[in-house]
Protein backbone atom coordinates (compact mmCIF):
# COMPACT_ATOMS: atom_id res chain seq x y z
CA MET A 1 101.86 -5.61 170.96
CA SER A 2 102.36 -5.74 167.19
CA CYS A 3 105.43 -5.31 165.05
CA GLU A 4 105.40 -4.11 161.48
CA ARG A 5 107.63 -6.27 159.33
CA VAL A 6 109.73 -4.79 156.58
CA THR A 7 110.01 -7.37 153.83
CA CYS A 8 112.36 -5.66 151.36
CA LEU A 9 114.81 -2.82 151.77
CA LYS A 10 116.98 -0.89 149.38
CA GLY A 11 120.35 0.36 150.56
CA ASN A 12 120.26 3.97 149.39
CA GLY A 13 121.88 6.72 151.42
CA TYR A 14 122.62 4.84 154.61
CA PHE A 15 125.68 5.71 156.69
CA SER A 16 126.75 8.73 154.66
CA GLN A 17 128.64 11.21 156.78
CA GLN A 18 131.45 13.42 155.53
CA GLY A 19 134.95 12.39 156.50
CA THR A 20 134.13 8.84 157.52
CA GLU A 21 135.58 7.18 154.41
CA LYS A 22 132.48 5.02 154.05
CA ASN A 23 131.06 3.68 150.80
CA ALA A 24 128.03 1.75 149.55
CA CYS A 25 129.30 -1.51 151.04
CA ASP A 26 129.10 -0.03 154.54
CA GLY A 27 125.42 0.72 153.99
CA VAL A 28 124.76 -2.81 152.74
CA GLY A 29 126.55 -4.28 155.76
CA GLY A 30 124.46 -2.13 158.07
CA ILE A 31 121.23 -3.27 156.43
CA VAL A 32 122.27 -6.93 156.62
CA LYS A 33 123.22 -6.64 160.30
CA HIS A 34 120.01 -4.74 161.10
CA GLN A 35 117.77 -7.29 159.37
CA ALA A 36 119.57 -10.19 161.08
CA THR A 37 119.04 -8.48 164.44
CA LEU A 38 115.34 -7.86 163.71
CA HIS A 39 114.88 -11.49 162.71
CA ASN A 40 116.47 -12.74 165.93
CA LEU A 41 114.38 -10.38 168.07
CA ARG A 42 111.06 -11.17 166.37
CA GLU A 43 111.34 -14.93 165.99
CA PRO A 44 111.27 -17.60 168.70
CA ALA A 45 114.72 -18.60 170.00
CA ARG A 46 114.59 -21.89 168.08
CA ASN A 47 114.49 -19.89 164.80
CA ALA A 48 117.41 -17.58 165.66
CA ILE A 49 120.16 -17.13 163.09
CA GLN A 50 123.07 -19.13 164.46
CA MET A 51 124.80 -20.34 161.32
CA ALA A 52 125.91 -18.60 158.13
CA GLU A 53 123.94 -20.92 155.85
CA TYR A 54 120.69 -20.15 157.69
CA MET A 55 121.47 -16.41 157.61
CA VAL A 56 121.80 -16.57 153.82
CA THR A 57 118.47 -18.39 153.55
CA VAL A 58 116.58 -15.99 155.82
CA LEU A 59 118.04 -12.70 154.63
CA SER A 60 117.82 -13.56 150.93
CA GLU A 61 114.05 -13.52 151.39
CA LYS A 62 114.02 -10.25 153.36
CA ILE A 63 116.45 -8.02 151.46
CA SER A 64 116.14 -7.25 147.76
CA GLY A 65 119.11 -5.98 145.77
CA VAL A 66 121.68 -7.88 147.84
CA HIS A 67 122.82 -11.27 146.62
CA PHE A 68 124.08 -13.69 149.24
CA ILE A 69 126.32 -16.62 148.39
CA TYR A 70 127.04 -19.31 150.96
CA LEU A 71 130.40 -21.03 150.56
CA GLU A 72 131.47 -24.14 152.41
CA SER A 73 134.69 -23.75 154.40
CA ASN A 74 136.58 -26.08 152.05
CA GLU A 75 135.68 -23.81 149.11
CA VAL A 76 137.01 -20.78 150.97
CA SER A 77 140.22 -22.63 151.89
CA SER A 78 140.71 -23.75 148.31
CA TYR A 79 140.27 -20.20 147.03
CA ARG A 80 142.72 -18.82 149.61
CA GLU A 81 145.34 -21.36 148.57
CA THR A 82 145.17 -20.10 145.00
CA LYS A 83 145.64 -16.50 146.18
CA ILE A 84 148.66 -17.08 148.46
CA PRO A 85 151.88 -16.58 146.51
CA SER A 86 154.17 -19.58 146.51
CA ALA A 87 157.56 -19.34 148.27
CA ASP A 88 159.35 -21.11 145.38
């Protein structure tokens, strides 16, 4: 049994149905989820995507036109603290 691998995708026209209030980001999310699923099904279990940092590494190579940025949890927390209005 052989599988044809898709190395690069472009997110044009995915998930466009009238009345669903969807936009381009929904199509990008669908492509990312689909490629992550394909990776996990095609690779041995030891190479499965289990952590965000590994997902960024793997999918950055497979999907063109989408830029992934991995942020450590402390960076996210720090950013959130600057966005929460103070109670003073």
